[in-house]
Amino acid sequence: MKKFITLLVILVIILGVWWKYSSYVKGIKEGVQGDPVRTVNSFMNTTVKFSNLLWNEEEREAIRKDLEKWQKGAEEGEEEAAREALKKYGIEDPSRLFKNKKYGKASVGVICFFQFDSFTTEKRELGEDSAIIEVKFLPQDILGIGKIMAELGVPKGERKEKPIFIPFHLRKHWHRWYIVDVKGELEPAIDAAYRLR
């Protein structure tokens, strides 16, 4: 009888652990990082919000102060204060989607040089544990230069607009997809920003 109760307790513990683990895995698979396309879309949606806030004259000062808090809080280990500052704008820290958070912050900074409202994603390669998702967007302005040129009287038709293509390389780790590298036209700028950090 004692062996039966011991066996029953062990079985209940094993079932409990299995249920908890399967719930954890299911939560991840249904979440943002459960799919490489959703991971990249989440990053780009946040970056679009950052870009629009940064290039909106009225909100630029407010967001600049909050971004400084985010940067300072992240450096000092005060992640919670940084998250609260971003929630005010409906934004989550996009660096959590990167294997290397500092590289993620450098990527956000460089992509925010461009003002754009929308983007498209396309699966390039999709493997069991790795993926390449390409993002395409058409910038309306870069570092506010277009606005300055318009103020100086340069006609819009003389300025060429071309789309930007960014291949994101992702890897799967413990059921979550993480961005590990950003290639394409912005790779040198992101690498330089990362090294400067």
Protein backbone atom coordinates (compact mmCIF):
# COMPACT_ATOMS: atom_id res chain seq x y z
CA MET A 1 0.00 0.00 0.00
CA LYS A 2 2.86 2.36 0.88
CA LYS A 3 4.50 1.68 -2.51
CA PHE A 4 1.20 2.37 -4.29
CA ILE A 5 0.77 5.76 -2.56
CA THR A 6 4.39 6.68 -3.30
CA LEU A 7 3.92 5.70 -6.94
CA LEU A 8 0.67 7.70 -7.10
CA VAL A 9 2.36 10.80 -5.63
CA ILE A 10 5.24 10.50 -8.14
CA LEU A 11 2.75 10.10 -11.00
CA VAL A 12 0.79 13.19 -9.85
CA ILE A 13 4.03 15.22 -9.66
CA ILE A 14 5.08 14.08 -13.15
CA LEU A 15 1.65 14.95 -14.57
CA GLY A 16 1.75 18.35 -12.84
CA VAL A 17 5.18 19.15 -14.23
CA TRP A 18 4.16 17.98 -17.72
CA TRP A 19 0.96 20.08 -17.61
CA LYS A 20 2.87 23.17 -16.43
CA TYR A 21 5.53 22.73 -19.13
CA SER A 22 2.98 22.16 -21.91
CA SER A 23 1.03 25.26 -20.78
CA TYR A 24 4.27 27.26 -20.85
CA VAL A 25 5.12 26.05 -24.38
CA LYS A 26 1.56 26.68 -25.61
CA GLY A 27 1.66 30.23 -24.21
CA ILE A 28 4.92 30.92 -26.05
CA LYS A 29 3.67 29.45 -29.34
CA GLU A 30 0.54 31.60 -29.22
CA GLY A 31 2.50 34.71 -28.19
CA VAL A 32 4.55 37.22 -30.15
CA GLN A 33 7.72 35.11 -30.13
CA GLY A 34 6.00 31.86 -31.09
CA ASP A 35 6.41 32.61 -34.81
CA PRO A 36 9.28 34.40 -36.61
CA VAL A 37 6.92 36.59 -38.69
CA ARG A 38 5.02 37.70 -35.56
CA THR A 39 8.33 38.47 -33.84
CA VAL A 40 9.51 40.71 -36.70
CA ASN A 41 6.05 42.31 -37.07
CA SER A 42 6.02 43.13 -33.36
CA PHE A 43 9.47 44.73 -33.60
CA MET A 44 8.54 46.74 -36.69
CA ASN A 45 5.17 47.86 -35.26
CA THR A 46 6.97 49.24 -32.22
CA THR A 47 9.60 50.86 -34.44
CA VAL A 48 6.88 52.53 -36.55
CA LYS A 49 5.41 53.99 -33.36
CA PHE A 50 8.84 55.22 -32.26
CA SER A 51 9.50 56.68 -35.69
CA ASN A 52 6.19 58.53 -35.84
CA LEU A 53 6.58 59.85 -32.31
CA LEU A 54 10.13 61.02 -32.96
CA TRP A 55 9.27 62.84 -36.17
CA ASN A 56 6.06 64.43 -34.86
CA GLU A 57 7.00 67.98 -33.83
CA GLU A 58 4.53 68.24 -30.95
CA GLU A 59 5.44 64.97 -29.29
CA ARG A 60 9.16 64.98 -30.00
CA GLU A 61 10.20 66.61 -26.72
CA ALA A 62 7.98 64.38 -24.57
CA ILE A 63 9.16 61.18 -26.22
CA ARG A 64 12.80 62.33 -26.13
CA LYS A 65 12.59 62.67 -22.35
CA ASP A 66 10.97 59.26 -22.03
CA LEU A 67 13.55 57.69 -24.35
CA GLU A 68 16.30 59.17 -22.20
CA LYS A 69 14.61 57.61 -19.14
CA TRP A 70 14.41 54.31 -21.01
CA GLN A 71 18.08 54.46 -21.96
CA LYS A 72 19.19 55.55 -18.49
CA GLY A 73 16.90 53.06 -16.75
CA ALA A 74 18.15 50.21 -18.91
CA GLU A 75 21.77 51.16 -18.19
CA GLU A 76 21.14 51.36 -14.44
CA GLY A 77 19.12 48.16 -14.35
CA GLU A 78 15.80 49.94 -13.75
CA GLU A 79 13.95 48.00 -16.45
CA GLU A 80 10.53 48.51 -14.80
CA ALA A 81 10.72 52.34 -14.92
CA ALA A 82 11.68 52.15 -18.58
CA ARG A 83 8.77 49.83 -19.38
CA GLU A 84 6.31 52.17 -17.66
CA ALA A 85 7.62 55.16 -19.65
CA LEU A 86 7.01 53.27 -22.89
CA LYS A 87 3.55 51.94 -21.92
CA LYS A 88 2.30 55.52 -21.91
CA TYR A 89 2.66 55.43 -25.71
CA GLY A 90 1.43 51.86 -26.12
CA ILE A 91 4.98 50.68 -26.78
CA GLU A 92 6.88 47.73 -25.33
CA ASP A 93 10.65 47.51 -25.21
CA PRO A 94 11.50 45.99 -28.62
CA SER A 95 14.98 44.88 -27.54
CA ARG A 96 13.38 41.93 -25.71
CA LEU A 97 12.84 40.35 -29.14
CA PHE A 98 16.60 40.24 -29.73
CA LYS A 99 19.06 37.68 -28.42
CA ASN A 100 21.41 40.61 -27.72
CA LYS A 101 19.37 43.46 -26.21
CA LYS A 102 22.04 46.10 -26.88
CA TYR A 103 22.06 45.11 -30.55
CA GLY A 104 18.25 45.41 -30.49
CA LYS A 105 18.42 48.94 -29.12
CA ALA A 106 20.98 49.90 -31.78
CA SER A 107 18.63 48.49 -34.44
CA VAL A 108 15.68 50.51 -33.15
CA GLY A 109 17.79 53.67 -33.10
CA VAL A 110 18.94 53.30 -36.69
CA ILE A 111 15.56 52.33 -38.13
CA CYS A 112 13.97 55.31 -36.35
CA PHE A 113 16.10 57.62 -38.53
CA PHE A 114 13.43 56.90 -41.16
CA GLN A 115 9.89 58.24 -40.99
CA PHE A 116 7.43 55.64 -42.28
CA ASP A 117 3.88 54.55 -41.56
CA SER A 118 3.70 51.02 -42.89
CA PHE A 119 5.81 48.04 -43.91
CA THR A 120 5.40 44.58 -45.41
CA THR A 121 6.99 41.32 -44.31
CA GLU A 122 7.87 38.33 -46.41
CA LYS A 123 9.23 34.92 -45.41
CA ARG A 124 12.53 34.32 -47.19
CA GLU A 125 13.72 31.17 -45.44
CA LEU A 126 11.97 29.24 -42.72
CA GLY A 127 13.65 26.31 -41.02
CA GLU A 128 13.06 24.38 -37.82
CA ASP A 129 15.32 26.61 -35.70
CA SER A 130 16.24 29.50 -38.01
CA ALA A 131 14.43 31.91 -40.28
CA ILE A 132 15.00 34.95 -42.49
CA ILE A 133 12.11 37.40 -42.68
CA GLU A 134 12.47 40.37 -45.03
CA VAL A 135 10.84 43.70 -44.26
CA LYS A 136 10.20 46.35 -46.90
CA PHE A 137 9.14 49.94 -46.25
CA LEU A 138 9.12 53.22 -48.15
CA PRO A 139 10.50 56.06 -46.02
CA GLN A 140 8.65 59.36 -46.19
CA ASP A 141 11.68 61.15 -44.78
CA ILE A 142 15.17 60.44 -43.44
CA LEU A 143 16.40 62.39 -40.40
CA GLY A 144 13.96 65.18 -41.31
CA ILE A 145 16.05 66.06 -44.39
CA GLY A 146 13.02 65.91 -46.71
CA LYS A 147 11.17 68.40 -44.54
CA ILE A 148 14.16 70.76 -44.56
CA MET A 149 14.46 70.44 -48.35
CA ALA A 150 10.74 71.19 -48.75
CA GLU A 151 11.16 74.30 -46.57
CA LEU A 152 14.05 75.38 -48.80
CA GLY A 153 11.81 75.07 -51.85
CA VAL A 154 13.17 71.87 -53.44
CA PRO A 155 10.25 70.30 -55.32
CA LYS A 156 9.18 66.87 -54.07
CA GLY A 157 9.32 65.41 -57.60
CA GLU A 158 13.09 65.95 -57.73
CA ARG A 159 13.65 63.83 -54.63
CA LYS A 160 13.78 60.11 -55.39
CA GLU A 161 11.98 57.71 -53.09
CA LYS A 162 13.13 54.12 -52.97
CA PRO A 163 12.06 51.31 -50.67
CA ILE A 164 14.34 49.91 -47.98
CA PHE A 165 14.73 46.12 -47.64
CA ILE A 166 15.81 44.66 -44.30
CA PRO A 167 16.39 40.90 -43.91
CA PHE A 168 16.02 39.86 -40.26
CA HIS A 169 17.80 36.66 -39.24
CA LEU A 170 16.12 34.78 -36.40
CA ARG A 171 16.93 31.75 -34.27
CA LYS A 172 14.72 29.68 -32.04
CA HIS A 173 15.81 29.23 -28.42
CA TRP A 174 13.67 27.47 -25.81
CA HIS A 175 10.60 27.69 -28.09
CA ARG A 176 10.99 31.48 -28.56
CA TRP A 177 12.10 33.18 -31.76
CA TYR A 178 14.79 35.85 -31.31
CA ILE A 179 16.22 38.27 -33.85
CA VAL A 180 19.97 37.62 -33.97
CA ASP A 181 21.06 39.76 -36.90
CA VAL A 182 19.83 42.55 -39.18
CA LYS A 183 21.30 42.54 -42.68
CA GLY A 184 20.82 44.58 -45.84
CA GLU A 185 21.28 48.29 -46.41
CA LEU A 186 21.09 49.19 -42.72
CA GLU A 187 23.58 46.56 -41.49
CA PRO A 188 26.66 48.87 -41.47
CA ALA A 189 24.79 51.63 -39.61
CA ILE A 190 23.36 49.20 -37.03
CA ASP A 191 26.77 47.57 -36.50
CA ALA A 192 28.37 50.99 -36.03
CA ALA A 193 25.64 52.08 -33.56
CA TYR A 194 26.09 48.82 -31.67
CA ARG A 195 29.87 49.25 -31.45
CA LEU A 196 29.42 52.83 -30.19
CA ARG A 197 27.25 51.51 -27.31
